[in-house]
N, C-alpha and C. Protein backbone atom coordinates (compact mmCIF):
# COMPACT_ATOMS: atom_id res chain seq x y z
N UNK A 1 -6.29 9.26 -2.48
CA UNK A 1 -4.90 8.41 -2.37
C UNK A 1 -4.91 7.70 -3.68
N UNK A 2 -3.96 7.68 -4.29
CA UNK A 2 -3.03 7.70 -5.62
C UNK A 2 -1.92 7.11 -4.75
N UNK A 3 -1.15 5.17 -5.87
CA UNK A 3 0.28 4.79 -6.12
C UNK A 3 1.15 5.48 -6.26
N UNK A 4 2.04 5.67 -6.46
CA UNK A 4 2.90 6.67 -7.23
C UNK A 4 4.82 5.75 -7.78
N UNK A 5 4.32 5.26 -6.80
CA UNK A 5 5.86 4.00 -7.25
C UNK A 5 5.37 2.63 -6.28
N UNK A 6 5.80 1.17 -6.63
CA UNK A 6 5.38 -0.15 -6.31
C UNK A 6 6.15 -0.58 -5.95
N UNK A 7 7.32 -1.20 -4.95
CA UNK A 7 8.39 -1.82 -4.39
C UNK A 7 7.52 -3.40 -3.86
N UNK A 8 9.20 -4.16 -4.96
CA UNK A 8 8.74 -5.73 -4.22
C UNK A 8 9.27 -6.66 -3.76
N UNK A 9 9.43 -7.45 -3.35
CA UNK A 9 10.65 -8.26 -2.84
C UNK A 9 9.85 -10.22 -1.68
N UNK A 10 10.74 -10.00 -1.83
CA UNK A 10 10.19 -11.75 -1.90
C UNK A 10 11.01 -12.09 0.09
N UNK A 11 10.07 -13.04 0.76
CA UNK A 11 9.93 -12.84 1.85
C UNK A 11 10.13 -14.80 1.88
N UNK A 12 10.15 -15.61 2.73
CA UNK A 12 10.39 -17.09 3.36
C UNK A 12 8.39 -17.17 2.42
N UNK A 13 7.67 -17.16 3.16
CA UNK A 13 6.63 -16.45 2.51
C UNK A 13 5.81 -16.24 1.73
N UNK A 14 6.63 -15.38 1.39
CA UNK A 14 6.34 -15.17 -0.09
C UNK A 14 6.06 -13.30 -0.23
N UNK A 15 5.47 -12.83 -1.32
CA UNK A 15 6.47 -11.45 -1.62
C UNK A 15 5.34 -10.68 -0.43
N UNK A 16 6.18 -9.30 -0.71
CA UNK A 16 5.29 -8.48 0.03
C UNK A 16 5.84 -7.21 -0.75
N UNK A 17 5.27 -6.55 -0.46
CA UNK A 17 5.39 -5.05 -1.40
C UNK A 17 4.79 -3.33 -0.41
N UNK A 18 5.66 -2.98 -0.90
CA UNK A 18 5.78 -1.40 -0.14
C UNK A 18 4.95 0.13 -0.97
N UNK A 19 4.58 0.64 -0.90
CA UNK A 19 3.81 1.51 -2.39
C UNK A 19 3.86 2.79 -1.26
N UNK A 20 4.29 3.48 -2.38
CA UNK A 20 4.13 4.72 -1.72
C UNK A 20 3.22 5.33 -2.19
N UNK A 21 2.64 6.57 -1.95
CA UNK A 21 0.94 7.44 -2.67
C UNK A 21 1.85 8.81 -2.69
N UNK A 22 0.93 9.04 -2.82
CA UNK A 22 0.92 10.98 -4.03
C UNK A 22 0.83 12.16 -2.38
N UNK A 23 0.60 11.21 -0.71
CA UNK A 23 0.19 11.71 0.56
C UNK A 23 1.46 12.00 1.04
N UNK A 24 2.03 12.56 1.53
CA UNK A 24 3.55 12.43 1.91
C UNK A 24 3.81 11.44 2.95
N UNK A 25 4.71 10.41 3.62
CA UNK A 25 4.45 9.62 3.88
C UNK A 25 3.59 8.92 4.69
N UNK A 26 2.68 8.93 3.63
CA UNK A 26 1.69 7.32 3.77
C UNK A 26 2.27 6.79 2.85
N UNK A 27 2.15 5.48 3.11
CA UNK A 27 2.46 4.15 2.41
C UNK A 27 1.23 2.78 2.21
N UNK A 28 0.93 2.15 1.74
CA UNK A 28 0.55 0.70 1.62
C UNK A 28 1.31 -0.32 1.67
N UNK A 29 2.14 -0.65 2.72
CA UNK A 29 2.20 -2.23 2.45
C UNK A 29 1.85 -4.01 2.79
N UNK A 30 2.51 -4.57 2.65
CA UNK A 30 2.53 -5.90 2.75
C UNK A 30 3.21 -6.50 2.83
N UNK A 31 3.13 -7.22 4.24
CA UNK A 31 4.64 -7.74 4.23
C UNK A 31 5.19 -8.83 4.34
N UNK A 32 4.25 -9.84 3.26
CA UNK A 32 4.27 -10.91 2.60
C UNK A 32 4.29 -12.13 3.52
N UNK A 33 4.14 -11.92 5.10
CA UNK A 33 4.68 -13.29 6.15
C UNK A 33 2.72 -13.58 6.15
N UNK A 34 1.76 -13.51 4.79
CA UNK A 34 1.00 -13.89 4.75
C UNK A 34 -0.08 -13.26 5.69
N UNK A 35 -0.50 -11.40 6.11
CA UNK A 35 -0.77 -10.87 6.64
C UNK A 35 -1.18 -10.34 5.54
N UNK A 36 -2.39 -9.15 5.79
CA UNK A 36 -3.18 -7.77 4.57
C UNK A 36 -2.54 -6.91 4.34
N UNK A 37 -2.61 -6.03 3.73
CA UNK A 37 -2.18 -4.81 2.71
C UNK A 37 -3.22 -3.99 3.87
N UNK A 38 -2.22 -3.07 4.35
CA UNK A 38 -2.65 -1.90 4.91
C UNK A 38 -2.32 -1.31 4.91
N UNK A 39 -2.70 0.63 5.41
CA UNK A 39 -1.47 1.85 4.90
C UNK A 39 -0.76 1.41 6.42
N UNK A 40 0.71 2.44 6.58
CA UNK A 40 1.40 2.20 7.49
C UNK A 40 2.29 3.66 7.44
N UNK A 41 2.13 5.17 8.04
CA UNK A 41 3.24 5.95 8.97
C UNK A 41 1.93 6.86 8.95
N UNK A 42 2.55 8.32 9.44
CA UNK A 42 2.39 9.05 10.98
C UNK A 42 1.18 8.58 10.70
N UNK A 43 0.73 8.25 11.85
CA UNK A 43 -0.70 8.50 12.38
C UNK A 43 -1.47 9.62 12.26
N UNK A 44 -0.96 11.22 12.78
CA UNK A 44 -2.07 12.09 13.01
C UNK A 44 -1.90 12.32 11.45
N UNK A 45 -1.63 11.83 9.86
CA UNK A 45 -2.04 11.69 9.32
C UNK A 45 -3.33 10.61 8.22
N UNK A 46 -3.24 8.76 9.16
CA UNK A 46 -3.85 8.45 8.35
C UNK A 46 -5.46 8.68 9.10
N UNK A 47 -4.69 9.27 10.18
CA UNK A 47 -6.35 9.91 10.38
C UNK A 47 -7.16 10.54 9.82
N UNK A 48 -7.07 11.34 9.25
CA UNK A 48 -7.27 11.82 7.88
C UNK A 48 -7.63 11.65 6.64
N UNK A 49 -7.27 10.05 6.35
CA UNK A 49 -8.08 9.23 5.66
C UNK A 49 -9.43 8.22 5.72
N UNK A 50 -9.93 8.50 4.87
CA UNK A 50 -11.17 8.38 4.80
C UNK A 50 -10.67 6.60 5.14
N UNK A 51 -11.36 5.15 5.33
CA UNK A 51 -11.04 4.42 6.55
C UNK A 51 -10.58 2.87 4.65
N UNK A 52 -9.75 2.81 3.58
CA UNK A 52 -10.22 1.73 3.14
C UNK A 52 -9.55 0.39 4.06
N UNK A 53 -10.98 -0.75 3.15
CA UNK A 53 -10.59 -1.49 3.10
C UNK A 53 -9.51 -2.64 1.97
N UNK A 54 -8.90 -4.29 2.84
CA UNK A 54 -8.59 -4.33 1.25
C UNK A 54 -7.83 -4.52 0.39
N UNK A 55 -9.48 -4.21 0.06
CA UNK A 55 -9.58 -4.90 -1.41
C UNK A 55 -9.67 -3.14 -1.66
N UNK A 56 -9.72 -2.35 -1.25
CA UNK A 56 -9.83 -0.90 -1.97
C UNK A 56 -8.73 -0.17 -2.01
N UNK A 57 -7.37 -0.98 -1.10
CA UNK A 57 -6.14 -0.42 -1.05
C UNK A 57 -5.45 -1.87 -2.40
N UNK A 58 -5.92 -2.76 -2.85
CA UNK A 58 -5.17 -4.17 -3.87
C UNK A 58 -6.43 -2.91 -4.49
N UNK A 59 -7.08 -2.47 -5.07
CA UNK A 59 -8.05 -1.28 -6.26
C UNK A 59 -6.03 -0.68 -6.85
N UNK A 60 -6.79 -0.26 -6.01
CA UNK A 60 -5.44 1.47 -5.91
C UNK A 60 -4.05 0.76 -7.05
N UNK A 61 -3.26 -0.25 -5.73
CA UNK A 61 -3.00 -0.60 -6.99
C UNK A 61 -2.24 -1.27 -7.90
N UNK A 62 -4.32 -1.50 -8.71
CA UNK A 62 -3.22 -2.06 -9.78
C UNK A 62 -4.08 -1.22 -11.12
N UNK A 63 -4.79 0.19 -10.46
CA UNK A 63 -4.65 1.16 -11.30
C UNK A 63 -3.64 1.79 -11.00
N UNK A 64 -2.75 1.92 -10.66
CA UNK A 64 -1.52 1.94 -10.68
C UNK A 64 0.15 1.72 -12.20
N UNK A 65 -0.83 -0.37 -11.35
CA UNK A 65 0.31 -1.07 -12.66
C UNK A 65 -0.16 -1.20 -13.55
N UNK A 66 -2.27 -1.03 -13.95
CA UNK A 66 -3.01 -0.98 -16.08
C UNK A 66 -2.46 0.35 -16.32
N UNK A 67 -2.11 1.16 -15.10
CA UNK A 67 -1.05 3.12 -15.98
C UNK A 67 0.24 3.11 -15.64
N UNK A 68 1.01 1.92 -15.64
CA UNK A 68 2.80 2.02 -15.58
C UNK A 68 2.49 1.49 -17.63
């Protein structure tokens, strides 16, 4: 899985982000309210992915940002 775009937004509690990936309908999210970073999308598609830790998701975002 690769990150293809990142959208940042501010909340009352911090910075959130939505990341599109190269897998249709699968996104990486952080709602900016103090929770963790997670994968969102169609459940059937998520089940096909390997389980990513929060650190692995953050590294995917970092890779995208370092190459942009």
